[in-house]
């Protein structure tokens, strides 16, 4: 996915900092998982000077 985004000039944010404890059922993030995703998205938006 990242290669396709780079090829077409689309920003890609790889959210891979989650581990098994960050999911309710192995698929859906719990509160801790959502917080980690939020932090990564916020940092990315700040790096891009979008916020």
N, C-alpha and C. Protein backbone atom coordinates (compact mmCIF):
# COMPACT_ATOMS: atom_id res chain seq x y z
N UNK A 1 0.82 -1.18 0.00
CA UNK A 1 0.00 0.00 0.00
C UNK A 1 0.87 1.26 0.00
N UNK A 2 1.93 1.23 0.81
CA UNK A 2 2.80 2.40 0.91
C UNK A 2 3.45 2.70 -0.44
N UNK A 3 3.88 1.69 -1.16
CA UNK A 3 4.50 1.89 -2.46
C UNK A 3 3.53 2.52 -3.46
N UNK A 4 2.29 2.06 -3.46
CA UNK A 4 1.27 2.61 -4.36
C UNK A 4 1.03 4.08 -4.03
N UNK A 5 0.93 4.40 -2.75
CA UNK A 5 0.73 5.79 -2.35
C UNK A 5 1.89 6.66 -2.80
N UNK A 6 3.12 6.19 -2.58
CA UNK A 6 4.29 6.95 -3.00
C UNK A 6 4.30 7.15 -4.51
N UNK A 7 3.97 6.12 -5.24
CA UNK A 7 3.96 6.18 -6.71
C UNK A 7 2.99 7.24 -7.21
N UNK A 8 1.87 7.42 -6.50
CA UNK A 8 0.83 8.35 -6.94
C UNK A 8 0.82 9.66 -6.15
N UNK A 9 1.84 9.88 -5.33
CA UNK A 9 1.95 11.14 -4.59
C UNK A 9 0.92 11.32 -3.50
N UNK A 10 0.49 10.21 -2.92
CA UNK A 10 -0.51 10.24 -1.85
C UNK A 10 0.19 10.00 -0.51
N UNK A 11 -0.13 10.81 0.48
CA UNK A 11 0.46 10.62 1.81
C UNK A 11 0.01 9.27 2.38
N UNK A 12 0.95 8.63 3.07
CA UNK A 12 0.67 7.33 3.68
C UNK A 12 1.13 7.38 5.13
N UNK A 13 0.28 6.98 6.04
CA UNK A 13 0.62 6.92 7.46
C UNK A 13 0.52 5.47 7.92
N UNK A 14 1.64 4.89 8.25
CA UNK A 14 1.71 3.50 8.67
C UNK A 14 1.46 3.43 10.18
N UNK A 15 0.32 2.91 10.57
CA UNK A 15 -0.04 2.81 11.98
C UNK A 15 0.26 1.39 12.45
N UNK A 16 1.51 1.17 12.82
CA UNK A 16 1.93 -0.16 13.21
C UNK A 16 2.42 -0.22 14.66
N UNK A 17 2.19 0.83 15.42
CA UNK A 17 2.68 0.86 16.81
C UNK A 17 1.74 0.15 17.76
N UNK A 18 0.74 -0.54 17.24
CA UNK A 18 -0.22 -1.22 18.11
C UNK A 18 0.22 -2.65 18.36
N UNK A 19 -0.07 -3.15 19.55
CA UNK A 19 0.21 -4.55 19.85
C UNK A 19 -1.09 -5.23 20.30
N UNK A 20 -1.03 -6.48 20.64
CA UNK A 20 -2.23 -7.25 20.96
C UNK A 20 -3.06 -6.65 22.10
N UNK A 21 -2.41 -5.99 23.06
CA UNK A 21 -3.14 -5.41 24.18
C UNK A 21 -3.97 -4.19 23.77
N UNK A 22 -3.72 -3.67 22.56
CA UNK A 22 -4.41 -2.46 22.10
C UNK A 22 -5.71 -2.77 21.35
N UNK A 23 -6.11 -4.04 21.32
CA UNK A 23 -7.31 -4.43 20.59
C UNK A 23 -8.31 -5.12 21.51
N UNK A 24 -9.58 -4.83 21.26
CA UNK A 24 -10.66 -5.47 22.01
C UNK A 24 -10.79 -6.94 21.63
N UNK A 25 -10.77 -7.19 20.32
CA UNK A 25 -11.07 -8.52 19.81
C UNK A 25 -10.09 -8.99 18.75
N UNK A 26 -8.93 -8.36 18.69
CA UNK A 26 -7.95 -8.70 17.67
C UNK A 26 -8.09 -7.89 16.40
N UNK A 27 -9.19 -7.16 16.26
CA UNK A 27 -9.43 -6.35 15.06
C UNK A 27 -9.73 -4.89 15.41
N UNK A 28 -10.55 -4.67 16.43
CA UNK A 28 -11.00 -3.32 16.78
C UNK A 28 -10.19 -2.78 17.96
N UNK A 29 -9.60 -1.58 17.79
CA UNK A 29 -8.79 -1.01 18.87
C UNK A 29 -9.64 -0.69 20.11
N UNK A 30 -9.02 -0.84 21.27
CA UNK A 30 -9.64 -0.42 22.51
C UNK A 30 -9.24 1.04 22.77
N UNK A 31 -9.55 1.57 23.94
CA UNK A 31 -9.26 2.97 24.24
C UNK A 31 -7.76 3.28 24.12
N UNK A 32 -6.92 2.38 24.59
CA UNK A 32 -5.47 2.59 24.49
C UNK A 32 -5.03 2.59 23.02
N UNK A 33 -5.57 1.66 22.23
CA UNK A 33 -5.25 1.61 20.81
C UNK A 33 -5.68 2.87 20.09
N UNK A 34 -6.88 3.36 20.41
CA UNK A 34 -7.35 4.61 19.79
C UNK A 34 -6.47 5.79 20.18
N UNK A 35 -6.01 5.82 21.41
CA UNK A 35 -5.12 6.91 21.85
C UNK A 35 -3.82 6.87 21.07
N UNK A 36 -3.26 5.68 20.87
CA UNK A 36 -2.01 5.56 20.11
C UNK A 36 -2.20 6.00 18.67
N UNK A 37 -3.32 5.61 18.05
CA UNK A 37 -3.62 6.03 16.69
C UNK A 37 -3.76 7.55 16.63
N UNK A 38 -4.49 8.13 17.59
CA UNK A 38 -4.66 9.57 17.65
C UNK A 38 -3.31 10.28 17.69
N UNK A 39 -2.41 9.81 18.55
CA UNK A 39 -1.09 10.45 18.68
C UNK A 39 -0.32 10.40 17.37
N UNK A 40 -0.36 9.25 16.68
CA UNK A 40 0.35 9.12 15.41
C UNK A 40 -0.24 10.04 14.35
N UNK A 41 -1.56 10.10 14.28
CA UNK A 41 -2.22 10.96 13.29
C UNK A 41 -1.93 12.43 13.61
N UNK A 42 -2.04 12.81 14.88
CA UNK A 42 -1.76 14.19 15.29
C UNK A 42 -0.34 14.59 14.93
N UNK A 43 0.63 13.73 15.25
CA UNK A 43 2.04 14.02 14.93
C UNK A 43 2.23 14.17 13.43
N UNK A 44 1.61 13.29 12.66
CA UNK A 44 1.72 13.36 11.20
C UNK A 44 1.15 14.67 10.68
N UNK A 45 -0.03 15.06 11.17
CA UNK A 45 -0.65 16.30 10.72
C UNK A 45 0.20 17.52 11.09
N UNK A 46 0.82 17.49 12.26
CA UNK A 46 1.70 18.57 12.66
C UNK A 46 2.95 18.62 11.79
N UNK A 47 3.53 17.46 11.48
CA UNK A 47 4.72 17.40 10.62
C UNK A 47 4.42 17.96 9.23
N UNK A 48 3.21 17.76 8.75
CA UNK A 48 2.80 18.25 7.42
C UNK A 48 2.36 19.71 7.48
N UNK A 49 2.38 20.30 8.68
CA UNK A 49 1.90 21.67 8.90
C UNK A 49 0.45 21.84 8.50
N UNK A 50 -0.34 20.80 8.72
CA UNK A 50 -1.77 20.85 8.43
C UNK A 50 -2.55 21.28 9.66
N UNK A 51 -1.94 21.17 10.82
CA UNK A 51 -2.54 21.70 12.05
C UNK A 51 -1.44 22.35 12.86
